[in-house]
N, C-alpha and C. Protein backbone atom coordinates (compact mmCIF):
# COMPACT_ATOMS: atom_id res chain seq x y z
N MET A 1 1.03 -0.86 -0.14
CA MET A 1 0.00 -0.21 -0.08
C MET A 1 0.81 1.37 -0.18
N PRO A 2 0.59 2.61 -0.51
CA PRO A 2 1.33 3.80 -0.87
C PRO A 2 0.94 4.47 0.71
N LYS A 3 2.29 5.25 0.94
CA LYS A 3 1.92 5.73 1.70
C LYS A 3 2.00 7.45 1.45
N VAL A 4 1.35 8.25 2.03
CA VAL A 4 0.17 9.85 1.72
C VAL A 4 1.27 10.45 2.67
N THR A 5 2.40 11.41 2.50
CA THR A 5 2.87 11.89 3.79
C THR A 5 2.30 13.55 3.29
N PHE A 6 1.67 14.03 4.20
CA PHE A 6 1.24 15.37 4.30
C PHE A 6 2.36 16.52 4.91
N GLN A 7 2.59 17.52 4.19
CA GLN A 7 3.20 17.94 4.63
C GLN A 7 2.48 19.37 4.52
N ASN A 8 2.56 20.69 5.78
CA ASN A 8 1.33 22.00 6.27
C ASN A 8 2.01 22.72 5.39
N PRO A 9 1.65 23.93 5.53
CA PRO A 9 2.26 25.18 4.73
C PRO A 9 3.50 25.43 5.38
N LEU A 10 4.26 26.46 4.99
CA LEU A 10 5.69 26.18 5.55
C LEU A 10 5.42 27.43 6.33
N THR A 11 4.17 28.29 6.60
CA THR A 11 4.33 29.41 7.41
C THR A 11 3.05 28.64 8.64
N LEU A 12 3.19 27.39 8.86
CA LEU A 12 2.43 27.15 10.33
C LEU A 12 2.84 25.73 10.76
N LYS A 13 4.50 26.31 10.98
CA LYS A 13 5.10 24.94 11.14
C LYS A 13 4.94 24.15 13.18
N VAL A 14 3.38 24.63 13.21
CA VAL A 14 3.31 24.36 14.70
C VAL A 14 2.53 23.18 14.26
N PHE A 15 2.12 22.39 12.91
CA PHE A 15 1.93 21.15 12.83
C PHE A 15 2.52 20.22 12.21
N ALA A 16 2.97 19.24 13.02
CA ALA A 16 3.74 18.15 12.29
C ALA A 16 3.01 17.52 10.88
N ALA A 17 3.97 16.59 9.92
CA ALA A 17 3.74 16.35 8.79
C ALA A 17 2.85 14.94 9.97
N ILE A 18 1.88 14.44 8.71
CA ILE A 18 1.19 13.70 9.07
C ILE A 18 1.36 12.54 7.68
N SER A 19 1.45 11.06 8.07
CA SER A 19 1.11 10.22 6.71
C SER A 19 0.86 9.29 7.44
N ILE A 20 -0.09 8.61 6.03
CA ILE A 20 -1.09 7.61 6.11
C ILE A 20 -0.81 6.35 5.00
N ASP A 21 -1.05 4.93 5.02
CA ASP A 21 -1.45 4.26 4.37
C ASP A 21 -2.50 3.84 4.02
N VAL A 22 -2.75 4.40 2.37
CA VAL A 22 -4.09 3.81 2.04
C VAL A 22 -3.72 2.93 0.76
N LYS A 23 -5.21 2.53 0.45
CA LYS A 23 -4.87 1.39 -1.14
C LYS A 23 -4.67 2.05 -2.46
N PRO A 24 -4.06 1.37 -2.94
CA PRO A 24 -3.81 1.97 -4.34
C PRO A 24 -5.44 2.48 -5.34
N GLY A 25 -5.29 3.62 -5.64
CA GLY A 25 -6.76 4.35 -5.94
C GLY A 25 -7.57 5.38 -5.79
N THR A 26 -6.59 5.23 -4.00
CA THR A 26 -7.41 6.55 -3.03
C THR A 26 -7.34 7.59 -3.96
N THR A 27 -7.71 8.95 -3.65
CA THR A 27 -7.63 9.98 -3.98
C THR A 27 -6.56 10.42 -3.39
N ILE A 28 -5.98 11.52 -3.18
CA ILE A 28 -5.44 12.34 -2.06
C ILE A 28 -6.34 13.38 -1.15
N LEU A 29 -7.07 13.63 -1.94
CA LEU A 29 -7.93 14.16 -0.87
C LEU A 29 -8.50 13.29 0.41
N ASP A 30 -9.28 11.62 -0.49
CA ASP A 30 -9.85 11.25 0.61
C ASP A 30 -8.53 10.47 1.85
N ALA A 31 -7.16 10.49 0.89
CA ALA A 31 -5.91 10.28 2.30
C ALA A 31 -6.23 11.46 2.71
N ALA A 32 -6.20 12.76 2.59
CA ALA A 32 -5.92 13.46 3.50
C ALA A 32 -7.43 13.71 4.72
N GLU A 33 -8.79 13.40 4.21
CA GLU A 33 -9.93 13.09 5.14
C GLU A 33 -9.53 12.30 6.39
N GLU A 34 -8.82 11.17 5.61
CA GLU A 34 -9.11 9.61 6.34
C GLU A 34 -8.22 9.94 7.70
N CYS A 35 -7.20 10.66 7.60
CA CYS A 35 -5.78 11.30 8.48
C CYS A 35 -5.87 12.26 8.77
N GLY A 36 -7.14 13.35 8.81
CA GLY A 36 -7.26 14.50 9.23
C GLY A 36 -5.90 15.49 8.96
N ALA A 37 -5.53 15.44 7.42
CA ALA A 37 -4.79 16.39 7.15
C ALA A 37 -5.64 17.73 6.44
N ARG A 38 -5.11 18.78 7.02
CA ARG A 38 -5.98 20.48 6.74
C ARG A 38 -6.02 20.21 5.15
N VAL A 39 -6.71 19.39 4.59
CA VAL A 39 -6.75 20.03 2.78
C VAL A 39 -8.01 20.68 2.91
N GLY A 40 -8.46 21.64 2.10
CA GLY A 40 -9.80 22.03 2.28
C GLY A 40 -10.45 21.64 0.72
N HIS A 41 -11.66 21.68 0.60
CA HIS A 41 -12.82 20.58 -0.40
C HIS A 41 -13.80 21.21 -0.23
N ALA A 42 -14.29 22.78 -0.79
CA ALA A 42 -15.54 23.45 -0.79
C ALA A 42 -16.61 22.96 -1.41
N CYS A 43 -16.15 22.06 -3.12
CA CYS A 43 -17.31 21.67 -3.49
C CYS A 43 -17.08 20.29 -2.95
N GLY A 44 -16.87 19.57 -1.75
CA GLY A 44 -16.80 18.39 -1.69
C GLY A 44 -16.14 17.17 -1.98
N GLY A 45 -14.88 17.67 -3.17
CA GLY A 45 -14.60 16.40 -3.86
C GLY A 45 -14.80 16.44 -5.37
N ASN A 46 -15.63 17.45 -5.59
CA ASN A 46 -16.47 17.38 -7.27
C ASN A 46 -16.06 17.61 -8.55
N LEU A 47 -14.53 18.67 -8.23
CA LEU A 47 -14.09 18.98 -9.96
C LEU A 47 -14.57 19.96 -9.57
N ALA A 48 -14.66 21.20 -8.48
CA ALA A 48 -15.65 22.26 -9.00
C ALA A 48 -14.95 23.59 -8.27
N CYS A 49 -13.80 23.49 -7.24
CA CYS A 49 -13.36 24.31 -7.02
C CYS A 49 -11.99 24.41 -6.91
N SER A 50 -10.87 25.10 -6.71
CA SER A 50 -9.71 24.47 -6.33
C SER A 50 -9.15 24.26 -5.66
N THR A 51 -9.86 24.42 -4.14
CA THR A 51 -9.27 24.48 -2.76
C THR A 51 -8.80 23.31 -2.63
N CYS A 52 -8.75 22.24 -2.85
CA CYS A 52 -7.89 20.85 -2.32
C CYS A 52 -6.89 21.42 -3.81
N HIS A 53 -5.99 22.05 -3.81
CA HIS A 53 -4.60 22.45 -4.56
C HIS A 53 -3.92 22.09 -3.63
N VAL A 54 -2.68 20.99 -3.89
CA VAL A 54 -1.52 20.63 -3.30
C VAL A 54 -0.81 20.67 -4.34
N TRP A 55 0.54 20.66 -3.96
CA TRP A 55 2.00 20.15 -4.78
C TRP A 55 2.32 19.12 -4.26
N VAL A 56 2.76 18.26 -5.13
CA VAL A 56 3.36 16.79 -4.76
C VAL A 56 4.53 17.09 -4.97
N HIS A 57 5.99 16.67 -3.98
CA HIS A 57 6.86 16.71 -4.05
C HIS A 57 7.62 15.45 -4.36
N GLU A 58 6.94 14.85 -4.00
CA GLU A 58 7.35 13.19 -4.37
C GLU A 58 6.23 12.11 -4.80
N GLY A 59 7.23 11.18 -5.63
CA GLY A 59 5.89 10.43 -6.46
C GLY A 59 4.49 10.76 -7.90
N VAL A 60 5.07 11.89 -7.88
CA VAL A 60 4.31 12.55 -9.37
C VAL A 60 4.23 11.40 -10.01
N ASP A 61 5.28 10.54 -10.20
CA ASP A 61 5.11 9.93 -11.78
C ASP A 61 4.12 8.57 -11.51
N SER A 62 3.28 8.61 -9.99
CA SER A 62 2.79 7.16 -9.77
C SER A 62 1.49 7.69 -9.87
N LEU A 63 1.41 8.69 -9.99
CA LEU A 63 -0.35 9.39 -10.26
C LEU A 63 -0.82 9.38 -11.57
N PRO A 64 -2.20 9.82 -12.40
CA PRO A 64 -2.32 9.81 -13.62
C PRO A 64 -2.15 10.75 -13.72
N GLU A 65 -2.24 10.88 -15.33
CA GLU A 65 -2.24 12.66 -15.64
C GLU A 65 -3.55 13.07 -15.40
N VAL A 66 -2.61 14.59 -15.48
CA VAL A 66 -3.68 15.41 -15.54
C VAL A 66 -4.68 15.46 -16.51
N THR A 67 -5.61 15.76 -16.55
CA THR A 67 -6.91 15.85 -17.65
C THR A 67 -6.99 17.50 -17.63
N ASP A 68 -7.93 17.43 -18.88
CA ASP A 68 -8.60 18.74 -18.97
C ASP A 68 -9.30 19.58 -18.10
N LYS A 69 -9.73 19.13 -17.77
CA LYS A 69 -11.12 19.31 -17.08
C LYS A 69 -9.86 19.81 -15.22
N GLU A 70 -8.95 18.95 -15.23
CA GLU A 70 -8.00 19.16 -14.16
C GLU A 70 -7.93 20.52 -14.21
N ASN A 71 -7.01 20.35 -15.46
CA ASN A 71 -6.45 22.05 -15.85
C ASN A 71 -7.15 22.96 -15.38
N ASP A 72 -8.45 23.21 -15.83
CA ASP A 72 -9.29 24.41 -16.53
C ASP A 72 -9.47 24.57 -15.28
N ILE A 73 -9.90 23.88 -14.04
CA ILE A 73 -10.56 24.02 -12.61
C ILE A 73 -9.31 24.78 -11.88
N MET A 74 -7.84 23.72 -12.29
CA MET A 74 -6.43 24.85 -11.69
C MET A 74 -6.20 25.98 -12.19
N ASP A 75 -6.37 26.31 -12.85
CA ASP A 75 -6.91 28.11 -13.63
C ASP A 75 -7.13 28.54 -12.60
N LYS A 76 -7.85 28.74 -11.19
CA LYS A 76 -8.91 29.24 -10.47
C LYS A 76 -7.85 28.80 -9.23
N ALA A 77 -6.83 28.41 -9.09
CA ALA A 77 -5.80 28.15 -8.01
C ALA A 77 -4.93 29.47 -7.85
N PHE A 78 -4.31 29.49 -7.06
CA PHE A 78 -3.24 30.29 -6.61
C PHE A 78 -1.94 29.74 -6.26
N ASP A 79 -0.95 30.48 -7.19
CA ASP A 79 0.34 29.36 -6.88
C ASP A 79 0.59 28.02 -7.55
N VAL A 80 0.36 27.97 -8.88
CA VAL A 80 0.29 26.81 -9.40
C VAL A 80 1.61 26.81 -9.89
N ARG A 81 1.94 25.22 -9.55
CA ARG A 81 3.05 24.86 -10.15
C ARG A 81 3.38 23.86 -11.09
N ALA A 82 4.26 23.43 -11.83
CA ALA A 82 4.40 21.92 -12.36
C ALA A 82 4.10 20.38 -11.49
N GLU A 83 4.29 21.12 -10.04
CA GLU A 83 3.98 19.49 -9.32
C GLU A 83 2.72 20.00 -8.58
N SER A 84 1.90 20.56 -8.87
CA SER A 84 0.04 21.24 -8.72
C SER A 84 -1.02 20.40 -8.73
N ARG A 85 -1.41 19.12 -8.34
CA ARG A 85 -2.44 18.72 -8.61
C ARG A 85 -3.46 19.10 -7.70
N LEU A 86 -4.66 18.46 -8.48
CA LEU A 86 -6.10 18.99 -7.30
C LEU A 86 -6.23 16.97 -6.49
N GLY A 87 -6.34 17.51 -5.04
CA GLY A 87 -6.70 16.35 -4.27
C GLY A 87 -7.51 15.46 -4.90
N CYS A 88 -8.93 16.05 -5.66
CA CYS A 88 -9.72 15.38 -5.26
C CYS A 88 -9.73 14.46 -7.14
N GLN A 89 -8.81 14.66 -7.31
CA GLN A 89 -8.21 14.17 -8.79
C GLN A 89 -7.17 13.08 -8.93
N ALA A 90 -6.22 13.72 -8.01
CA ALA A 90 -5.20 12.19 -8.07
C ALA A 90 -5.12 11.29 -7.07
N LYS A 91 -5.32 10.25 -8.24
CA LYS A 91 -5.24 8.93 -7.38
C LYS A 91 -4.26 8.54 -7.66
N LEU A 92 -3.90 7.89 -6.27
CA LEU A 92 -2.33 6.66 -5.69
C LEU A 92 -2.08 6.17 -6.51
N GLY A 93 -1.13 5.33 -7.07
CA GLY A 93 -0.64 4.13 -7.65
C GLY A 93 0.03 3.05 -6.45
N THR A 94 0.91 2.69 -6.97
CA THR A 94 1.43 2.23 -5.68
C THR A 94 2.87 2.51 -5.01
N ALA A 95 3.08 3.64 -5.71
CA ALA A 95 4.30 4.13 -5.21
C ALA A 95 3.80 5.70 -3.84
N ASP A 96 4.96 5.64 -3.16
CA ASP A 96 4.28 6.56 -1.76
C ASP A 96 4.71 8.14 -2.29
N VAL A 97 3.79 8.92 -1.97
CA VAL A 97 3.70 10.32 -2.21
C VAL A 97 3.78 10.83 -1.07
N VAL A 98 4.82 12.05 -1.60
CA VAL A 98 4.92 13.58 -0.02
C VAL A 98 4.12 14.44 -1.18
N VAL A 99 3.13 15.25 -0.42
CA VAL A 99 2.30 16.21 -0.68
C VAL A 99 2.65 17.78 -0.18
N GLU A 100 2.73 18.32 -0.04
CA GLU A 100 2.63 19.83 0.55
C GLU A 100 1.36 21.06 0.53
N ILE A 101 1.12 21.01 1.35
CA ILE A 101 -1.03 21.33 1.28
C ILE A 101 -0.97 22.52 1.33
N THR A 102 -1.17 23.55 0.05
CA THR A 102 -0.67 25.34 -0.21
C THR A 102 -1.54 25.65 0.94
N GLU A 103 -1.51 27.41 1.01
CA GLU A 103 -1.60 27.88 2.02
C GLU A 103 -2.90 28.03 1.62
N GLU A 104 -3.43 28.34 0.04
CA GLU A 104 -5.05 28.45 -0.01
C GLU A 104 -5.79 27.34 0.09
N SER A 105 -5.69 26.41 0.22
CA SER A 105 -6.08 24.91 0.93
C SER A 105 -6.46 24.77 2.43
N HIS A 106 -5.04 25.04 2.92
CA HIS A 106 -5.10 24.73 4.43
C HIS A 106 -6.45 26.35 4.99
N ARG A 107 -6.04 27.54 4.24
CA ARG A 107 -7.28 28.19 4.72
C ARG A 107 -8.31 28.34 4.08
N ALA A 108 -9.26 27.25 3.15
CA ALA A 108 -9.97 26.35 2.79
C ALA A 108 -10.42 25.65 3.45
N TRP A 109 -9.80 25.78 4.56
CA TRP A 109 -10.12 24.79 5.59
C TRP A 109 -10.55 24.43 6.81
N LEU A 110 -10.00 25.81 7.00
CA LEU A 110 -10.22 26.44 8.09
C LEU A 110 -11.38 27.17 8.01
N ASP A 111 -11.86 27.78 6.63
CA ASP A 111 -13.15 28.48 6.53
C ASP A 111 -14.21 27.11 6.77
N GLU A 112 -14.27 25.83 6.05
CA GLU A 112 -14.72 25.17 5.85
C GLU A 112 -15.13 24.44 7.99
N ASN A 113 -13.99 24.85 8.91
CA ASN A 113 -13.69 24.41 9.78
C ASN A 113 -13.22 25.35 10.76
N PRO A 114 -15.03 26.41 11.14
CA PRO A 114 -14.60 27.91 11.94
C PRO A 114 -13.87 26.73 13.50
N ASP A 115 -14.64 26.38 13.43
CA ASP A 115 -14.01 26.02 15.20
C ASP A 115 -12.73 26.07 15.29
N GLU A 116 -11.49 24.94 14.31
CA GLU A 116 -10.68 24.87 14.58
C GLU A 116 -9.80 25.94 14.20
N ARG A 117 -10.50 26.91 13.64
CA ARG A 117 -10.37 28.25 13.21
C ARG A 117 -10.03 29.64 14.04
N LYS A 118 -10.68 29.04 15.20
CA LYS A 118 -11.19 30.07 16.40
C LYS A 118 -9.88 29.15 16.84
N LYS A 119 -9.56 27.76 17.29
CA LYS A 119 -8.41 27.34 17.96
C LYS A 119 -7.16 28.07 17.75
N ALA A 120 -6.96 27.96 16.40
CA ALA A 120 -5.69 28.23 15.62
C ALA A 120 -6.08 29.82 15.57
N HIS A 121 -6.44 31.00 16.10
CA HIS A 121 -6.29 32.30 16.66
C HIS A 121 -6.15 32.55 17.93
N ALA A 122 -6.08 31.56 18.31
CA ALA A 122 -6.60 32.13 20.12
C ALA A 122 -5.21 31.35 20.70
N GLY A 123 -4.06 30.76 19.95
CA GLY A 123 -3.42 29.68 20.42
C GLY A 123 -2.47 30.25 19.81
């Protein structure tokens, strides 16, 4: 089973990386949900927004190719790079993957979880 490691945005060093073993075919977003990594998903993972935008630092070759629709939606994201993927579309192969959660995605997650946002601002 591949392992997914989620790194939090560089400005939020208070959270350690989180890793989880998942079955091949699991999306990065589903893996994040399963282990509590803070990846946003305002549209519920239906390829209608860019809030699950992540950067894949290792294992990108084991993911399926980016589709035209994913590229179209990624045009809405901030700081798109060669290693950018939408977590709802990137299904894991058999290799381990290291993902950095973008600041945009983390902010979206906090918007979706206002109680956690309050805790973050209180601490």
